[in-house]
Amino acid sequence: MAFFRAFLNSPVGPKTTHFWGPMANWGFVIAGMMDSRKPPDAISGNMTAVLCVYSLLCMRFAWMVRPRNHLLLACHVSNESVQLYQLSRWLKHQRYLPQKEDNVSY
């Protein structure tokens, strides 16, 4: 019980925005994971790039803010990975990145 009470009253506990902000941001990660099932032509390259920059900036903020917000950092590291995967899918679809060739002729 003492552990729960300490967490409840901590500077990054559920009574603060340091807790609820990251919890809301996990929606970006879940949406990105759900979008990985969609075809690459449904991906917006501009929006995905903006989300990558947004997550990079928020990762720096989460590391520099006092008290350090590890929950926000974990959320944006996860979002950065998902969005970079989506961006690579979009780039391959737009033929900016080389694709593996399935048919090899000798």
PDB file of N, CA and C in Angstrom:
ATOM      1  N   MET A   1       0.814  -1.198   0.000  1.00  0.00           N
ATOM      2  CA  MET A   1       0.000   0.000   0.000  1.00  0.00           C
ATOM      3  C   MET A   1       0.859   1.263   0.000  1.00  0.00           C
ATOM      4  N   ALA A   2       2.000   1.180   0.696  1.00  0.00           N
ATOM      5  CA  ALA A   2       2.887   2.340   0.770  1.00  0.00           C
ATOM      6  C   ALA A   2       3.470   2.667  -0.607  1.00  0.00           C
ATOM      7  N   PHE A   3       3.767   1.624  -1.394  1.00  0.00           N
ATOM      8  CA  PHE A   3       4.298   1.842  -2.740  1.00  0.00           C
ATOM      9  C   PHE A   3       3.276   2.575  -3.610  1.00  0.00           C
ATOM     10  N   PHE A   4       2.019   2.132  -3.552  1.00  0.00           N
ATOM     11  CA  PHE A   4       0.961   2.763  -4.338  1.00  0.00           C
ATOM     12  C   PHE A   4       0.759   4.213  -3.904  1.00  0.00           C
ATOM     13  N   ARG A   5       0.784   4.456  -2.615  1.00  0.00           N
ATOM     14  CA  ARG A   5       0.605   5.821  -2.104  1.00  0.00           C
ATOM     15  C   ARG A   5       1.768   6.715  -2.549  1.00  0.00           C
ATOM     16  N   ALA A   6       2.997   6.173  -2.521  1.00  0.00           N
ATOM     17  CA  ALA A   6       4.159   6.943  -2.980  1.00  0.00           C
ATOM     18  C   ALA A   6       4.038   7.265  -4.466  1.00  0.00           C
ATOM     19  N   PHE A   7       3.590   6.292  -5.267  1.00  0.00           N
ATOM     20  CA  PHE A   7       3.404   6.531  -6.698  1.00  0.00           C
ATOM     21  C   PHE A   7       2.303   7.556  -6.942  1.00  0.00           C
ATOM     22  N   LEU A   8       1.220   7.443  -6.197  1.00  0.00           N
ATOM     23  CA  LEU A   8       0.089   8.349  -6.358  1.00  0.00           C
ATOM     24  C   LEU A   8       0.488   9.795  -6.091  1.00  0.00           C
ATOM     25  N   ASN A   9       1.363  10.004  -5.123  1.00  0.00           N
ATOM     26  CA  ASN A   9       1.762  11.363  -4.737  1.00  0.00           C
ATOM     27  C   ASN A   9       3.095  11.798  -5.324  1.00  0.00           C
ATOM     28  N   SER A  10       3.679  11.008  -6.218  1.00  0.00           N
ATOM     29  CA  SER A  10       4.983  11.364  -6.787  1.00  0.00           C
ATOM     30  C   SER A  10       4.831  12.488  -7.810  1.00  0.00           C
ATOM     31  N   PRO A  11       5.949  13.167  -8.152  1.00  0.00           N
ATOM     32  CA  PRO A  11       5.890  14.261  -9.129  1.00  0.00           C
ATOM     33  C   PRO A  11       5.502  13.818 -10.541  1.00  0.00           C
ATOM     34  N   VAL A  12       5.579  12.517 -10.829  1.00  0.00           N
ATOM     35  CA  VAL A  12       5.167  12.013 -12.143  1.00  0.00           C
ATOM     36  C   VAL A  12       4.013  11.024 -12.006  1.00  0.00           C
ATOM     37  N   GLY A  13       3.280  11.106 -10.928  1.00  0.00           N
ATOM     38  CA  GLY A  13       2.178  10.188 -10.662  1.00  0.00           C
ATOM     39  C   GLY A  13       0.905  10.578 -11.379  1.00  0.00           C
ATOM     40  N   PRO A  14      -0.160   9.825 -11.151  1.00  0.00           N
ATOM     41  CA  PRO A  14      -1.412  10.042 -11.881  1.00  0.00           C
ATOM     42  C   PRO A  14      -2.171  11.317 -11.516  1.00  0.00           C
ATOM     43  N   LYS A  15      -1.652  12.085 -10.600  1.00  0.00           N
ATOM     44  CA  LYS A  15      -2.284  13.373 -10.293  1.00  0.00           C
ATOM     45  C   LYS A  15      -1.688  14.508 -11.128  1.00  0.00           C
ATOM     46  N   THR A  16      -0.780  14.174 -12.035  1.00  0.00           N
ATOM     47  CA  THR A  16      -0.071  15.210 -12.792  1.00  0.00           C
ATOM     48  C   THR A  16      -0.221  14.990 -14.296  1.00  0.00           C
ATOM     49  N   THR A  17       0.126  16.028 -15.046  1.00  0.00           N
ATOM     50  CA  THR A  17       0.129  15.903 -16.502  1.00  0.00           C
ATOM     51  C   THR A  17       1.338  15.104 -16.976  1.00  0.00           C
ATOM     52  N   HIS A  18       2.342  14.925 -16.113  1.00  0.00           N
ATOM     53  CA  HIS A  18       3.493  14.094 -16.476  1.00  0.00           C
ATOM     54  C   HIS A  18       3.086  12.631 -16.639  1.00  0.00           C
ATOM     55  N   PHE A  19       1.933  12.271 -16.120  1.00  0.00           N
ATOM     56  CA  PHE A  19       1.426  10.915 -16.273  1.00  0.00           C
ATOM     57  C   PHE A  19       0.386  10.840 -17.385  1.00  0.00           C
ATOM     58  N   TRP A  20      -0.583  11.740 -17.383  1.00  0.00           N
ATOM     59  CA  TRP A  20      -1.701  11.650 -18.328  1.00  0.00           C
ATOM     60  C   TRP A  20      -1.331  12.074 -19.735  1.00  0.00           C
ATOM     61  N   GLY A  21      -0.346  12.959 -19.885  1.00  0.00           N
ATOM     62  CA  GLY A  21       0.121  13.329 -21.226  1.00  0.00           C
ATOM     63  C   GLY A  21       0.666  12.128 -21.983  1.00  0.00           C
ATOM     64  N   PRO A  22       1.611  11.381 -21.390  1.00  0.00           N
ATOM     65  CA  PRO A  22       2.107  10.189 -22.075  1.00  0.00           C
ATOM     66  C   PRO A  22       1.031   9.135 -22.296  1.00  0.00           C
ATOM     67  N   MET A  23       0.118   8.993 -21.362  1.00  0.00           N
ATOM     68  CA  MET A  23      -0.934   7.993 -21.538  1.00  0.00           C
ATOM     69  C   MET A  23      -1.773   8.322 -22.771  1.00  0.00           C
ATOM     70  N   ALA A  24      -2.044   9.601 -22.977  1.00  0.00           N
ATOM     71  CA  ALA A  24      -2.810  10.000 -24.165  1.00  0.00           C
ATOM     72  C   ALA A  24      -1.983   9.815 -25.436  1.00  0.00           C
ATOM     73  N   ASN A  25      -0.674  10.035 -25.347  1.00  0.00           N
ATOM     74  CA  ASN A  25       0.189   9.903 -26.525  1.00  0.00           C
ATOM     75  C   ASN A  25       0.367   8.464 -26.978  1.00  0.00           C
ATOM     76  N   TRP A  26       0.057   7.496 -26.132  1.00  0.00           N
ATOM     77  CA  TRP A  26       0.140   6.104 -26.578  1.00  0.00           C
ATOM     78  C   TRP A  26      -0.865   5.842 -27.699  1.00  0.00           C
ATOM     79  N   GLY A  27      -1.847   6.717 -27.847  1.00  0.00           N
ATOM     80  CA  GLY A  27      -2.795   6.591 -28.958  1.00  0.00           C
ATOM     81  C   GLY A  27      -2.113   6.695 -30.307  1.00  0.00           C
ATOM     82  N   PHE A  28      -1.067   7.544 -30.416  1.00  0.00           N
ATOM     83  CA  PHE A  28      -0.303   7.643 -31.659  1.00  0.00           C
ATOM     84  C   PHE A  28       0.363   6.318 -31.996  1.00  0.00           C
ATOM     85  N   VAL A  29       0.920   5.674 -30.974  1.00  0.00           N
ATOM     86  CA  VAL A  29       1.618   4.404 -31.186  1.00  0.00           C
ATOM     87  C   VAL A  29       0.627   3.329 -31.632  1.00  0.00           C
ATOM     88  N   ILE A  30      -0.508   3.258 -30.956  1.00  0.00           N
ATOM     89  CA  ILE A  30      -1.520   2.255 -31.299  1.00  0.00           C
ATOM     90  C   ILE A  30      -2.065   2.498 -32.705  1.00  0.00           C
ATOM     91  N   ALA A  31      -2.314   3.766 -33.041  1.00  0.00           N
ATOM     92  CA  ALA A  31      -2.812   4.089 -34.388  1.00  0.00           C
ATOM     93  C   ALA A  31      -1.786   3.721 -35.450  1.00  0.00           C
ATOM     94  N   GLY A  32      -0.503   3.983 -35.175  1.00  0.00           N
ATOM     95  CA  GLY A  32       0.548   3.617 -36.128  1.00  0.00           C
ATOM     96  C   GLY A  32       0.636   2.115 -36.327  1.00  0.00           C
ATOM     97  N   MET A  33       0.486   1.371 -35.243  1.00  0.00           N
ATOM     98  CA  MET A  33       0.511  -0.095 -35.357  1.00  0.00           C
ATOM     99  C   MET A  33      -0.688  -0.595 -36.158  1.00  0.00           C
ATOM    100  N   MET A  34      -1.836  -0.004 -35.929  1.00  0.00           N
ATOM    101  CA  MET A  34      -3.028  -0.403 -36.675  1.00  0.00           C
ATOM    102  C   MET A  34      -2.883  -0.043 -38.160  1.00  0.00           C
ATOM    103  N   ASP A  35      -2.223   1.076 -38.452  1.00  0.00           N
ATOM    104  CA  ASP A  35      -2.033   1.495 -39.840  1.00  0.00           C
ATOM    105  C   ASP A  35      -1.050   0.612 -40.589  1.00  0.00           C
ATOM    106  N   SER A  36      -0.253  -0.181 -39.872  1.00  0.00           N
ATOM    107  CA  SER A  36       0.705  -1.043 -40.573  1.00  0.00           C
ATOM    108  C   SER A  36      -0.005  -2.149 -41.352  1.00  0.00           C
ATOM    109  N   ARG A  37      -1.273  -2.359 -41.083  1.00  0.00           N
ATOM    110  CA  ARG A  37      -2.052  -3.356 -41.838  1.00  0.00           C
ATOM    111  C   ARG A  37      -2.651  -2.768 -43.114  1.00  0.00           C
ATOM    112  N   LYS A  38      -2.669  -1.454 -43.198  1.00  0.00           N
ATOM    113  CA  LYS A  38      -3.247  -0.794 -44.374  1.00  0.00           C
ATOM    114  C   LYS A  38      -2.250  -0.792 -45.522  1.00  0.00           C
ATOM    115  N   PRO A  39      -2.742  -0.655 -46.744  1.00  0.00           N
ATOM    116  CA  PRO A  39      -1.816  -0.599 -47.888  1.00  0.00           C
ATOM    117  C   PRO A  39      -0.977   0.685 -47.840  1.00  0.00           C
ATOM    118  N   PRO A  40       0.245   0.638 -48.382  1.00  0.00           N
ATOM    119  CA  PRO A  40       1.130   1.805 -48.304  1.00  0.00           C
ATOM    120  C   PRO A  40       0.625   3.036 -49.034  1.00  0.00           C
ATOM    121  N   ASP A  41      -0.291   2.872 -49.981  1.00  0.00           N
ATOM    122  CA  ASP A  41      -0.785   4.063 -50.670  1.00  0.00           C
ATOM    123  C   ASP A  41      -1.727   4.883 -49.795  1.00  0.00           C
ATOM    124  N   ALA A  42      -2.138   4.346 -48.659  1.00  0.00           N
ATOM    125  CA  ALA A  42      -2.993   5.087 -47.733  1.00  0.00           C
ATOM    126  C   ALA A  42      -2.180   5.916 -46.736  1.00  0.00           C
ATOM    127  N   ILE A  43      -0.859   5.795 -46.783  1.00  0.00           N
ATOM    128  CA  ILE A  43       0.009   6.509 -45.845  1.00  0.00           C
ATOM    129  C   ILE A  43       0.279   7.912 -46.368  1.00  0.00           C
ATOM    130  N   SER A  44       0.163   8.888 -45.500  1.00  0.00           N
ATOM    131  CA  SER A  44       0.534  10.257 -45.848  1.00  0.00           C
ATOM    132  C   SER A  44       2.002  10.462 -45.480  1.00  0.00           C
ATOM    133  N   GLY A  45       2.834  10.653 -46.475  1.00  0.00           N
ATOM    134  CA  GLY A  45       4.263  10.860 -46.228  1.00  0.00           C
ATOM    135  C   GLY A  45       4.531  12.106 -45.412  1.00  0.00           C
ATOM    136  N   ASN A  46       3.795  13.183 -45.702  1.00  0.00           N
ATOM    137  CA  ASN A  46       3.994  14.429 -44.957  1.00  0.00           C
ATOM    138  C   ASN A  46       3.627  14.273 -43.494  1.00  0.00           C
ATOM    139  N   MET A  47       2.486  13.668 -43.223  1.00  0.00           N
ATOM    140  CA  MET A  47       2.044  13.512 -41.834  1.00  0.00           C
ATOM    141  C   MET A  47       2.963  12.575 -41.064  1.00  0.00           C
ATOM    142  N   THR A  48       3.427  11.526 -41.714  1.00  0.00           N
ATOM    143  CA  THR A  48       4.326  10.585 -41.057  1.00  0.00           C
ATOM    144  C   THR A  48       5.653  11.262 -40.734  1.00  0.00           C
ATOM    145  N   ALA A  49       6.164  12.072 -41.644  1.00  0.00           N
ATOM    146  CA  ALA A  49       7.408  12.806 -41.381  1.00  0.00           C
ATOM    147  C   ALA A  49       7.229  13.798 -40.242  1.00  0.00           C
ATOM    148  N   VAL A  50       6.087  14.462 -40.198  1.00  0.00           N
ATOM    149  CA  VAL A  50       5.808  15.400 -39.109  1.00  0.00           C
ATOM    150  C   VAL A  50       5.745  14.660 -37.773  1.00  0.00           C
ATOM    151  N   LEU A  51       5.118  13.487 -37.750  1.00  0.00           N
ATOM    152  CA  LEU A  51       5.063  12.710 -36.514  1.00  0.00           C
ATOM    153  C   LEU A  51       6.447  12.244 -36.078  1.00  0.00           C
ATOM    154  N   CYS A  52       7.334  11.968 -37.027  1.00  0.00           N
ATOM    155  CA  CYS A  52       8.711  11.599 -36.679  1.00  0.00           C
ATOM    156  C   CYS A  52       9.434  12.768 -36.011  1.00  0.00           C
ATOM    157  N   VAL A  53       9.307  13.950 -36.589  1.00  0.00           N
ATOM    158  CA  VAL A  53       9.940  15.132 -36.002  1.00  0.00           C
ATOM    159  C   VAL A  53       9.328  15.445 -34.643  1.00  0.00           C
ATOM    160  N   TYR A  54       8.015  15.346 -34.539  1.00  0.00           N
ATOM    161  CA  TYR A  54       7.314  15.584 -33.271  1.00  0.00           C
ATOM    162  C   TYR A  54       7.829  14.656 -32.181  1.00  0.00           C
ATOM    163  N   SER A  55       7.979  13.383 -32.496  1.00  0.00           N
ATOM    164  CA  SER A  55       8.444  12.430 -31.495  1.00  0.00           C
ATOM    165  C   SER A  55       9.893  12.694 -31.112  1.00  0.00           C
ATOM    166  N   LEU A  56      10.721  13.082 -32.078  1.00  0.00           N
ATOM    167  CA  LEU A  56      12.105  13.425 -31.752  1.00  0.00           C
ATOM    168  C   LEU A  56      12.167  14.600 -30.779  1.00  0.00           C
ATOM    169  N   LEU A  57      11.392  15.632 -31.053  1.00  0.00           N
ATOM    170  CA  LEU A  57      11.384  16.798 -30.168  1.00  0.00           C
ATOM    171  C   LEU A  57      10.852  16.450 -28.780  1.00  0.00           C
ATOM    172  N   CYS A  58       9.814  15.642 -28.736  1.00  0.00           N
ATOM    173  CA  CYS A  58       9.244  15.256 -27.441  1.00  0.00           C
ATOM    174  C   CYS A  58      10.160  14.314 -26.673  1.00  0.00           C
ATOM    175  N   MET A  59      10.955  13.501 -27.379  1.00  0.00           N
ATOM    176  CA  MET A  59      11.927  12.655 -26.682  1.00  0.00           C
ATOM    177  C   MET A  59      12.956  13.529 -25.975  1.00  0.00           C
ATOM    178  N   ARG A  60      13.425  14.572 -26.660  1.00  0.00           N
ATOM    179  CA  ARG A  60      14.385  15.476 -26.037  1.00  0.00           C
ATOM    180  C   ARG A  60      13.756  16.172 -24.837  1.00  0.00           C
ATOM    181  N   PHE A  61      12.529  16.644 -24.991  1.00  0.00           N
ATOM    182  CA  PHE A  61      11.839  17.299 -23.884  1.00  0.00           C
ATOM    183  C   PHE A  61      11.702  16.356 -22.699  1.00  0.00           C
ATOM    184  N   ALA A  62      11.284  15.114 -22.951  1.00  0.00           N
ATOM    185  CA  ALA A  62      11.077  14.152 -21.865  1.00  0.00           C
ATOM    186  C   ALA A  62      12.377  13.870 -21.125  1.00  0.00           C
ATOM    187  N   TRP A  63      13.498  13.940 -21.827  1.00  0.00           N
ATOM    188  CA  TRP A  63      14.780  13.678 -21.194  1.00  0.00           C
ATOM    189  C   TRP A  63      15.265  14.891 -20.405  1.00  0.00           C
ATOM    190  N   MET A  64      14.980  16.098 -20.892  1.00  0.00           N
ATOM    191  CA  MET A  64      15.518  17.306 -20.275  1.00  0.00           C
ATOM    192  C   MET A  64      14.654  17.856 -19.135  1.00  0.00           C
ATOM    193  N   VAL A  65      13.361  17.584 -19.145  1.00  0.00           N
ATOM    194  CA  VAL A  65      12.461  18.141 -18.141  1.00  0.00           C
ATOM    195  C   VAL A  65      12.790  17.537 -16.769  1.00  0.00           C
ATOM    196  N   ARG A  66      12.572  18.314 -15.735  1.00  0.00           N
ATOM    197  CA  ARG A  66      12.756  17.823 -14.362  1.00  0.00           C
ATOM    198  C   ARG A  66      11.415  17.826 -13.671  1.00  0.00           C
ATOM    199  N   PRO A  67      10.948  16.757 -13.088  1.00  0.00           N
ATOM    200  CA  PRO A  67      11.581  15.449 -13.021  1.00  0.00           C
ATOM    201  C   PRO A  67      11.554  14.770 -14.389  1.00  0.00           C
ATOM    202  N   ARG A  68      12.583  14.005 -14.661  1.00  0.00           N
ATOM    203  CA  ARG A  68      12.712  13.324 -15.952  1.00  0.00           C
ATOM    204  C   ARG A  68      11.512  12.406 -16.171  1.00  0.00           C
ATOM    205  N   ASN A  69      10.911  12.508 -17.344  1.00  0.00           N
ATOM    206  CA  ASN A  69       9.671  11.784 -17.624  1.00  0.00           C
ATOM    207  C   ASN A  69       9.963  10.553 -18.485  1.00  0.00           C
ATOM    208  N   HIS A  70      10.233   9.438 -17.829  1.00  0.00           N
ATOM    209  CA  HIS A  70      10.577   8.200 -18.533  1.00  0.00           C
ATOM    210  C   HIS A  70       9.377   7.613 -19.278  1.00  0.00           C
ATOM    211  N   LEU A  71       8.187   7.827 -18.762  1.00  0.00           N
ATOM    212  CA  LEU A  71       6.988   7.318 -19.427  1.00  0.00           C
ATOM    213  C   LEU A  71       6.784   8.021 -20.771  1.00  0.00           C
ATOM    214  N   LEU A  72       6.974   9.334 -20.790  1.00  0.00           N
ATOM    215  CA  LEU A  72       6.858  10.086 -22.044  1.00  0.00           C
ATOM    216  C   LEU A  72       7.970   9.699 -23.012  1.00  0.00           C
ATOM    217  N   LEU A  73       9.163   9.486 -22.487  1.00  0.00           N
ATOM    218  CA  LEU A  73      10.282   9.078 -23.330  1.00  0.00           C
ATOM    219  C   LEU A  73      10.002   7.721 -23.986  1.00  0.00           C
ATOM    220  N   ALA A  74       9.528   6.774 -23.213  1.00  0.00           N
ATOM    221  CA  ALA A  74       9.216   5.445 -23.765  1.00  0.00           C
ATOM    222  C   ALA A  74       8.122   5.525 -24.819  1.00  0.00           C
ATOM    223  N   CYS A  75       7.134   6.366 -24.563  1.00  0.00           N
ATOM    224  CA  CYS A  75       6.034   6.530 -25.515  1.00  0.00           C
ATOM    225  C   CYS A  75       6.553   7.060 -26.848  1.00  0.00           C
ATOM    226  N   HIS A  76       7.410   8.074 -26.809  1.00  0.00           N
ATOM    227  CA  HIS A  76       7.872   8.682 -28.059  1.00  0.00           C
ATOM    228  C   HIS A  76       8.961   7.865 -28.751  1.00  0.00           C
ATOM    229  N   VAL A  77       9.729   7.081 -28.012  1.00  0.00           N
ATOM    230  CA  VAL A  77      10.660   6.150 -28.660  1.00  0.00           C
ATOM    231  C   VAL A  77       9.852   5.113 -29.435  1.00  0.00           C
ATOM    232  N   SER A  78       8.780   4.622 -28.821  1.00  0.00           N
ATOM    233  CA  SER A  78       7.915   3.652 -29.505  1.00  0.00           C
ATOM    234  C   SER A  78       7.257   4.277 -30.725  1.00  0.00           C
ATOM    235  N   ASN A  79       6.770   5.504 -30.582  1.00  0.00           N
ATOM    236  CA  ASN A  79       6.117   6.172 -31.706  1.00  0.00           C
ATOM    237  C   ASN A  79       7.113   6.445 -32.829  1.00  0.00           C
ATOM    238  N   GLU A  80       8.328   6.827 -32.483  1.00  0.00           N
ATOM    239  CA  GLU A  80       9.348   7.080 -33.506  1.00  0.00           C
ATOM    240  C   GLU A  80       9.615   5.813 -34.311  1.00  0.00           C
ATOM    241  N   SER A  81       9.721   4.660 -33.623  1.00  0.00           N
ATOM    242  CA  SER A  81       9.970   3.410 -34.351  1.00  0.00           C
ATOM    243  C   SER A  81       8.817   3.066 -35.281  1.00  0.00           C
ATOM    244  N   VAL A  82       7.593   3.208 -34.786  1.00  0.00           N
ATOM    245  CA  VAL A  82       6.427   2.876 -35.612  1.00  0.00           C
ATOM    246  C   VAL A  82       6.349   3.818 -36.811  1.00  0.00           C
ATOM    247  N   GLN A  83       6.565   5.108 -36.582  1.00  0.00           N
ATOM    248  CA  GLN A  83       6.451   6.071 -37.680  1.00  0.00           C
ATOM    249  C   GLN A  83       7.582   5.913 -38.689  1.00  0.00           C
ATOM    250  N   LEU A  84       8.782   5.567 -38.238  1.00  0.00           N
ATOM    251  CA  LEU A  84       9.868   5.320 -39.187  1.00  0.00           C
ATOM    252  C   LEU A  84       9.571   4.094 -40.049  1.00  0.00           C
ATOM    253  N   TYR A  85       8.956   3.087 -39.443  1.00  0.00           N
ATOM    254  CA  TYR A  85       8.545   1.916 -40.228  1.00  0.00           C
ATOM    255  C   TYR A  85       7.509   2.327 -41.277  1.00  0.00           C
ATOM    256  N   GLN A  86       6.526   3.131 -40.861  1.00  0.00           N
ATOM    257  CA  GLN A  86       5.504   3.585 -41.812  1.00  0.00           C
ATOM    258  C   GLN A  86       6.124   4.442 -42.915  1.00  0.00           C
ATOM    259  N   LEU A  87       7.081   5.295 -42.529  1.00  0.00           N
ATOM    260  CA  LEU A  87       7.739   6.144 -43.525  1.00  0.00           C
ATOM    261  C   LEU A  87       8.531   5.298 -44.517  1.00  0.00           C
ATOM    262  N   SER A  88       9.173   4.240 -44.039  1.00  0.00           N
ATOM    263  CA  SER A  88       9.904   3.362 -44.968  1.00  0.00           C
ATOM    264  C   SER A  88       8.943   2.650 -45.911  1.00  0.00           C
ATOM    265  N   ARG A  89       7.782   2.245 -45.418  1.00  0.00           N
ATOM    266  CA  ARG A  89       6.777   1.630 -46.295  1.00  0.00           C
ATOM    267  C   ARG A  89       6.323   2.612 -47.359  1.00  0.00           C
ATOM    268  N   TRP A  90       6.092   3.868 -46.972  1.00  0.00           N
ATOM    269  CA  TRP A  90       5.645   4.891 -47.916  1.00  0.00           C
ATOM    270  C   TRP A  90       6.736   5.167 -48.953  1.00  0.00           C
ATOM    271  N   LEU A  91       8.000   5.267 -48.484  1.00  0.00           N
ATOM    272  CA  LEU A  91       9.099   5.541 -49.408  1.00  0.00           C
ATOM    273  C   LEU A  91       9.286   4.399 -50.399  1.00  0.00           C
ATOM    274  N   LYS A  92       9.149   3.164 -49.946  1.00  0.00           N
ATOM    275  CA  LYS A  92       9.248   2.027 -50.864  1.00  0.00           C
ATOM    276  C   LYS A  92       8.111   2.052 -51.878  1.00  0.00           C
ATOM    277  N   HIS A  93       6.926   2.421 -51.408  1.00  0.00           N
ATOM    278  CA  HIS A  93       5.778   2.495 -52.310  1.00  0.00           C
ATOM    279  C   HIS A  93       5.979   3.600 -53.352  1.00  0.00           C
ATOM    280  N   GLN A  94       6.585   4.705 -52.933  1.00  0.00           N
ATOM    281  CA  GLN A  94       6.841   5.814 -53.862  1.00  0.00           C
ATOM    282  C   GLN A  94       8.103   5.578 -54.691  1.00  0.00           C
ATOM    283  N   ARG A  95       8.758   4.455 -54.448  1.00  0.00           N
ATOM    284  CA  ARG A  95       9.972   4.033 -55.149  1.00  0.00           C
ATOM    285  C   ARG A  95      11.172   4.937 -54.862  1.00  0.00           C
ATOM    286  N   TYR A  96      11.196   5.552 -53.678  1.00  0.00           N
ATOM    287  CA  TYR A  96      12.367   6.322 -53.267  1.00  0.00           C
ATOM    288  C   TYR A  96      13.437   5.393 -52.689  1.00  0.00           C
ATOM    289  N   LEU A  97      13.014   4.280 -52.124  1.00  0.00           N
ATOM    290  CA  LEU A  97      13.944   3.298 -51.578  1.00  0.00           C
ATOM    291  C   LEU A  97      13.947   2.071 -52.474  1.00  0.00           C
ATOM    292  N   PRO A  98      15.087   1.412 -52.617  1.00  0.00           N
ATOM    293  CA  PRO A  98      15.108   0.205 -53.460  1.00  0.00           C
ATOM    294  C   PRO A  98      14.290  -0.916 -52.831  1.00  0.00           C
ATOM    295  N   GLN A  99      13.645  -1.679 -53.684  1.00  0.00           N
ATOM    296  CA  GLN A  99      12.853  -2.812 -53.221  1.00  0.00           C
ATOM    297  C   GLN A  99      13.593  -4.092 -53.550  1.00  0.00           C
ATOM    298  N   LYS A 100      13.316  -5.124 -52.763  1.00  0.00           N
ATOM    299  CA  LYS A 100      13.902  -6.420 -53.052  1.00  0.00           C
ATOM    300  C   LYS A 100      13.233  -6.987 -54.304  1.00  0.00           C
ATOM    301  N   GLU A 101      14.033  -7.571 -55.135  1.00  0.00           N
ATOM    302  CA  GLU A 101      13.468  -8.191 -56.347  1.00  0.00           C
ATOM    303  C   GLU A 101      13.200  -9.650 -56.071  1.00  0.00           C
ATOM    304  N   ASP A 102      11.955 -10.065 -56.325  1.00  0.00           N
ATOM    305  CA  ASP A 102      11.577 -11.440 -56.085  1.00  0.00           C
ATOM    306  C   ASP A 102      11.950 -12.341 -57.257  1.00  0.00           C
ATOM    307  N   ASN A 103      11.892 -11.821 -58.463  1.00  0.00           N
ATOM    308  CA  ASN A 103      12.165 -12.624 -59.648  1.00  0.00           C
ATOM    309  C   ASN A 103      13.621 -12.427 -60.075  1.00  0.00           C
ATOM    310  N   VAL A 104      14.393 -13.434 -59.869  1.00  0.00           N
ATOM    311  CA  VAL A 104      15.806 -13.380 -60.262  1.00  0.00           C
ATOM    312  C   VAL A 104      15.981 -14.252 -61.503  1.00  0.00           C
ATOM    313  N   SER A 105      16.442 -13.673 -62.578  1.00  0.00           N
ATOM    314  CA  SER A 105      16.647 -14.434 -63.809  1.00  0.00           C
ATOM    315  C   SER A 105      18.150 -14.621 -64.038  1.00  0.00           C
ATOM    316  N   TYR A 106      18.506 -15.793 -64.518  1.00  0.00           N
ATOM    317  CA  TYR A 106      19.912 -16.109 -64.759  1.00  0.00           C
ATOM    318  C   TYR A 106      20.195 -16.159 -66.227  1.00  0.00           C
TER     319      TYR A 106
END
